[in-house]
C-alpha atoms as a PDB file:
ATOM      1  CA  MET A   1     -15.643  -6.052 -12.860  1.00  0.00           C
ATOM      2  CA  ASP A   2     -14.295  -7.077  -9.430  1.00  0.00           C
ATOM      3  CA  ASP A   3     -11.407  -5.388  -8.050  1.00  0.00           C
ATOM      4  CA  ILE A   4      -8.109  -7.533  -7.905  1.00  0.00           C
ATOM      5  CA  ILE A   5      -5.924  -7.896  -4.610  1.00  0.00           C
ATOM      6  CA  LEU A   6      -2.429  -8.713  -5.248  1.00  0.00           C
ATOM      7  CA  LYS A   7      -0.534 -10.202  -2.526  1.00  0.00           C
ATOM      8  CA  GLY A   8       3.446 -10.264  -2.418  1.00  0.00           C
ATOM      9  CA  LYS A   9       6.456  -9.450  -0.483  1.00  0.00           C
ATOM     10  CA  VAL A  10       8.593  -6.435  -0.611  1.00  0.00           C
ATOM     11  CA  LYS A  11      11.696  -7.116  -2.464  1.00  0.00           C
ATOM     12  CA  HIS A  12      14.818  -5.446  -3.051  1.00  0.00           C
ATOM     13  CA  GLY A  13      15.483  -3.614  -6.033  1.00  0.00           C
ATOM     14  CA  LEU A  14      18.544  -2.068  -7.903  1.00  0.00           C
ATOM     15  CA  ARG A  15      18.029   1.152  -5.899  1.00  0.00           C
ATOM     16  CA  ILE A  16      18.381   3.098  -9.370  1.00  0.00           C
ATOM     17  CA  ALA A  17      14.915   4.760  -8.944  1.00  0.00           C
ATOM     18  CA  SER A  18      15.700   6.174  -5.523  1.00  0.00           C
ATOM     19  CA  GLY A  19      19.236   7.294  -6.369  1.00  0.00           C
ATOM     20  CA  LEU A  20      20.457   5.001  -3.399  1.00  0.00           C
ATOM     21  CA  ASN A  21      22.628   2.911  -5.544  1.00  0.00           C
ATOM     22  CA  PRO A  22      26.318   4.135  -5.197  1.00  0.00           C
ATOM     23  CA  ASP A  23      27.464   2.485  -8.230  1.00  0.00           C
ATOM     24  CA  PRO A  24      24.238   1.703 -10.593  1.00  0.00           C
ATOM     25  CA  PRO A  25      24.724  -0.593 -13.589  1.00  0.00           C
ATOM     26  CA  ILE A  26      25.354   0.749 -17.156  1.00  0.00           C
ATOM     27  CA  LYS A  27      22.004   0.466 -19.291  1.00  0.00           C
ATOM     28  CA  LEU A  28      22.380   1.561 -22.871  1.00  0.00           C
ATOM     29  CA  GLY A  29      25.818   2.850 -22.334  1.00  0.00           C
ATOM     30  CA  MET A  30      24.199   5.305 -19.662  1.00  0.00           C
ATOM     31  CA  LYS A  31      24.786   5.353 -15.774  1.00  0.00           C
ATOM     32  CA  LEU A  32      21.239   5.870 -14.655  1.00  0.00           C
ATOM     33  CA  ASN A  33      20.511   6.848 -11.011  1.00  0.00           C
ATOM     34  CA  ASN A  34      17.775   8.762  -9.038  1.00  0.00           C
ATOM     35  CA  THR A  35      15.432   8.100 -12.055  1.00  0.00           C
ATOM     36  CA  ILE A  36      12.170   8.848 -10.224  1.00  0.00           C
ATOM     37  CA  ALA A  37      13.330  12.507  -9.407  1.00  0.00           C
ATOM     38  CA  LEU A  38      14.371  12.908 -13.153  1.00  0.00           C
ATOM     39  CA  GLN A  39      10.926  11.699 -14.520  1.00  0.00           C
ATOM     40  CA  LYS A  40       8.831  13.383 -11.932  1.00  0.00           C
ATOM     41  CA  PRO A  41       8.666  16.826 -13.650  1.00  0.00           C
ATOM     42  CA  PHE A  42       7.383  15.267 -16.844  1.00  0.00           C
ATOM     43  CA  PHE A  43       4.743  13.366 -14.829  1.00  0.00           C
ATOM     44  CA  GLU A  44       3.506  16.545 -12.926  1.00  0.00           C
ATOM     45  CA  ARG A  45       3.231  18.552 -16.179  1.00  0.00           C
ATOM     46  CA  ALA A  46       1.169  15.363 -17.593  1.00  0.00           C
ATOM     47  CA  GLY A  47      -1.178  15.988 -14.710  1.00  0.00           C
ATOM     48  CA  VAL A  48      -0.601  12.532 -12.732  1.00  0.00           C
ATOM     49  CA  GLU A  49      -2.546  13.164  -9.694  1.00  0.00           C
ATOM     50  CA  GLY A  50      -0.388  13.606  -6.327  1.00  0.00           C
ATOM     51  CA  ILE A  51       2.817  12.586  -8.098  1.00  0.00           C
ATOM     52  CA  SER A  52       4.754  15.544  -6.481  1.00  0.00           C
ATOM     53  CA  GLU A  53       3.859  13.940  -2.758  1.00  0.00           C
ATOM     54  CA  MET A  54       5.336  10.504  -3.732  1.00  0.00           C
ATOM     55  CA  TYR A  55       8.677   9.223  -2.606  1.00  0.00           C
ATOM     56  CA  ASN A  56      11.345   9.585  -5.254  1.00  0.00           C
ATOM     57  CA  GLY A  57      11.701   5.634  -5.383  1.00  0.00           C
ATOM     58  CA  THR A  58       9.578   2.728  -5.950  1.00  0.00           C
ATOM     59  CA  VAL A  59       8.506  -0.095  -3.818  1.00  0.00           C
ATOM     60  CA  ASN A  60       9.072  -3.533  -5.352  1.00  0.00           C
ATOM     61  CA  VAL A  61       6.739  -6.240  -4.852  1.00  0.00           C
ATOM     62  CA  ASP A  62       7.259  -9.846  -5.707  1.00  0.00           C
ATOM     63  CA  ILE A  63       4.032 -11.396  -6.709  1.00  0.00           C
ATOM     64  CA  SER A  64       5.489 -14.834  -7.962  1.00  0.00           C
ATOM     65  CA  PRO A  65       4.253 -17.287  -9.268  1.00  0.00           C
ATOM     66  CA  LEU A  66       1.878 -14.751 -10.727  1.00  0.00           C
ATOM     67  CA  LYS A  67       2.522 -12.022 -13.405  1.00  0.00           C
ATOM     68  CA  PHE A  68       0.489  -9.045 -14.477  1.00  0.00           C
ATOM     69  CA  GLU A  69      -0.508  -7.245 -17.558  1.00  0.00           C
ATOM     70  CA  ILE A  70      -1.803  -3.591 -17.570  1.00  0.00           C
ATOM     71  CA  LEU A  71      -5.046  -3.431 -19.751  1.00  0.00           C
ATOM     72  CA  ASP A  72      -6.139   0.174 -18.861  1.00  0.00           C
ATOM     73  CA  PRO A  73      -3.766   2.503 -17.317  1.00  0.00           C
ATOM     74  CA  ASP A  74      -5.142   5.757 -15.603  1.00  0.00           C
ATOM     75  CA  TYR A  75      -2.242   7.710 -17.101  1.00  0.00           C
ATOM     76  CA  ARG A  76       0.238   7.376 -20.066  1.00  0.00           C
ATOM     77  CA  VAL A  77       3.098   9.775 -20.038  1.00  0.00           C
ATOM     78  CA  THR A  78       5.705   9.631 -22.796  1.00  0.00           C
ATOM     79  CA  CYS A  79       8.726  11.827 -22.200  1.00  0.00           C
ATOM     80  CA  THR A  80      12.702  12.131 -23.030  1.00  0.00           C
ATOM     81  CA  TRP A  81      13.826  12.260 -19.574  1.00  0.00           C
ATOM     82  CA  PHE A  82      17.572  11.406 -19.939  1.00  0.00           C
ATOM     83  CA  GLU A  83      19.696  12.703 -22.647  1.00  0.00           C
ATOM     84  CA  GLU A  84      18.008  10.767 -25.857  1.00  0.00           C
ATOM     85  CA  LEU A  85      16.060   8.279 -23.833  1.00  0.00           C
ATOM     86  CA  ALA A  86      12.359   8.673 -24.476  1.00  0.00           C
ATOM     87  CA  GLU A  87      10.150   6.185 -22.631  1.00  0.00           C
ATOM     88  CA  THR A  88       6.311   5.842 -22.165  1.00  0.00           C
ATOM     89  CA  PHE A  89       5.183   5.197 -18.464  1.00  0.00           C
ATOM     90  CA  TRP A  90       1.851   3.792 -17.364  1.00  0.00           C
ATOM     91  CA  PHE A  91       0.220   4.464 -14.073  1.00  0.00           C
ATOM     92  CA  VAL A  92      -2.668   2.654 -12.550  1.00  0.00           C
ATOM     93  CA  ARG A  93      -4.162   4.027  -9.317  1.00  0.00           C
ATOM     94  CA  VAL A  94      -3.900   1.612  -6.351  1.00  0.00           C
ATOM     95  CA  LEU A  95      -4.401   1.325  -2.685  1.00  0.00           C
ATOM     96  CA  ILE A  96      -1.658  -0.314  -0.892  1.00  0.00           C
ATOM     97  CA  GLU A  97      -2.049  -2.077   2.453  1.00  0.00           C
ATOM     98  CA  TYR A  98       1.073  -2.626   4.736  1.00  0.00           C
ATOM     99  CA  GLU A  99       1.047  -3.687   8.291  1.00  0.00           C
ATOM    100  CA  GLY A 100      -2.431  -2.679   8.720  1.00  0.00           C
ATOM    101  CA  LYS A 101      -2.437   0.855   7.061  1.00  0.00           C
ATOM    102  CA  GLU A 102      -3.458   1.713   3.837  1.00  0.00           C
ATOM    103  CA  TYR A 103      -1.737   4.085   1.332  1.00  0.00           C
ATOM    104  CA  ALA A 104      -2.667   5.758  -1.961  1.00  0.00           C
ATOM    105  CA  GLY A 105      -0.358   4.864  -4.747  1.00  0.00           C
ATOM    106  CA  TYR A 106       0.222   3.764  -8.548  1.00  0.00           C
ATOM    107  CA  ILE A 107       1.554   0.927 -10.338  1.00  0.00           C
ATOM    108  CA  TYR A 108       4.512   2.345 -12.300  1.00  0.00           C
ATOM    109  CA  TYR A 109       5.112   0.685 -15.449  1.00  0.00           C
ATOM    110  CA  PRO A 110       7.603   1.817 -18.011  1.00  0.00           C
ATOM    111  CA  CYS A 111       6.796   0.215 -21.212  1.00  0.00           C
ATOM    112  CA  PRO A 112       8.004  -0.969 -23.570  1.00  0.00           C
ATOM    113  CA  SER A 113      11.312  -0.129 -22.283  1.00  0.00           C
ATOM    114  CA  ARG A 114      14.944  -0.935 -23.019  1.00  0.00           C
ATOM    115  CA  VAL A 115      16.034  -0.093 -19.547  1.00  0.00           C
ATOM    116  CA  LYS A 116      13.046  -1.867 -17.738  1.00  0.00           C
ATOM    117  CA  SER A 117      14.627  -3.534 -14.618  1.00  0.00           C
ATOM    118  CA  HIS A 118      11.850  -6.057 -13.560  1.00  0.00           C
ATOM    119  CA  ASP A 119      10.088  -8.854 -15.008  1.00  0.00           C
ATOM    120  CA  ASP A 120       6.330  -8.773 -14.819  1.00  0.00           C
ATOM    121  CA  ASN A 121       6.215 -10.764 -11.614  1.00  0.00           C
ATOM    122  CA  THR A 122       7.572  -7.732 -10.015  1.00  0.00           C
ATOM    123  CA  VAL A 123       5.044  -4.588  -9.221  1.00  0.00           C
ATOM    124  CA  GLU A 124       6.696  -1.425  -8.958  1.00  0.00           C
ATOM    125  CA  LEU A 125       4.823   1.056  -6.932  1.00  0.00           C
ATOM    126  CA  LEU A 126       4.991   4.717  -6.469  1.00  0.00           C
ATOM    127  CA  THR A 127       3.431   6.160  -2.920  1.00  0.00           C
ATOM    128  CA  LYS A 128       4.281   8.344  -0.274  1.00  0.00           C
ATOM    129  CA  LYS A 129       7.152   7.114   1.935  1.00  0.00           C
ATOM    130  CA  ILE A 130       5.914   4.095   4.201  1.00  0.00           C
ATOM    131  CA  PRO A 131       7.166   4.117   7.796  1.00  0.00           C
ATOM    132  CA  GLY A 132       8.764   0.711   8.511  1.00  0.00           C
ATOM    133  CA  MET A 133       8.789  -0.570   5.023  1.00  0.00           C
ATOM    134  CA  ALA A 134      11.120  -3.751   5.134  1.00  0.00           C
ATOM    135  CA  TYR A 135      12.169  -6.328   2.618  1.00  0.00           C
ATOM    136  CA  GLY A 136      10.489  -9.638   2.933  1.00  0.00           C
ATOM    137  CA  LYS A 137       7.468  -8.270   4.608  1.00  0.00           C
ATOM    138  CA  ASP A 138       4.104  -8.988   3.215  1.00  0.00           C
ATOM    139  CA  ILE A 139       2.210  -6.309   1.230  1.00  0.00           C
ATOM    140  CA  ALA A 140      -1.107  -6.143  -0.742  1.00  0.00           C
ATOM    141  CA  ILE A 141      -2.201  -4.064  -3.594  1.00  0.00           C
ATOM    142  CA  LEU A 142      -5.750  -3.323  -4.160  1.00  0.00           C
ATOM    143  CA  VAL A 143      -6.213  -2.596  -8.047  1.00  0.00           C
ATOM    144  CA  PRO A 144      -9.604  -1.456  -9.427  1.00  0.00           C
ATOM    145  CA  GLY A 145     -11.297  -4.151 -11.802  1.00  0.00           C
ATOM    146  CA  GLY A 146     -10.513  -4.066 -15.652  1.00  0.00           C
ATOM    147  CA  LYS A 147      -7.104  -2.227 -14.954  1.00  0.00           C
ATOM    148  CA  ILE A 148      -4.807  -5.173 -14.986  1.00  0.00           C
ATOM    149  CA  ALA A 149      -4.914  -8.938 -15.738  1.00  0.00           C
ATOM    150  CA  VAL A 150      -3.004 -11.516 -13.546  1.00  0.00           C
ATOM    151  CA  ALA A 151      -1.899 -15.006 -14.650  1.00  0.00           C
ATOM    152  CA  ARG A 152       0.593 -17.657 -13.517  1.00  0.00           C
ATOM    153  CA  PHE A 153       3.961 -18.009 -14.929  1.00  0.00           C
ATOM    154  CA  SER A 154       4.039 -20.878 -17.298  1.00  0.00           C
END
C-alpha cells in the first residue's frame, strides 16, 4: 500500500493540550488544561515509543477540504487520566515535514471522546518542539500506507 502525504496548514487550537490557555473552556463540567502532560505518564507506561521526548502540546493541521479516518493505529492506549475521565487514544507514527526539515511524530487521536476538540479535517500531531512553527504555514505529514483513509468532505 502506498504512503499518504497529507498537506495542510498549521492552525490555531484551543491551547488546552499545551496548558497555554489562561481560561480553558469547561467540557463535561471540567476545566481541562495541560492535557498532554497529564496523559503522557499513561502513554509512557503503555510503551508509546519516544513519547517522553515529545512537546507537551499538539500541532493542529487543517487538511480541509479533506477528512481522515484512522484504520490501523500503531498504539491504542486507554486510561483514566483526569478524575473520572476515561479515554482511548490512538497513535499513528508519521514523518512531519516543515520548512524543509523532517521530524518524527504521531497523529494523536482521542477516540471516541466526549471531549474531543476537533473535527476530522484537523490532524493533531505530537512531536518534538519544532523551531519557528507558526500558524498559517504549510506543513506535510507522511503517513505509512494502510494506516489512514482520506476522503473529501461531502
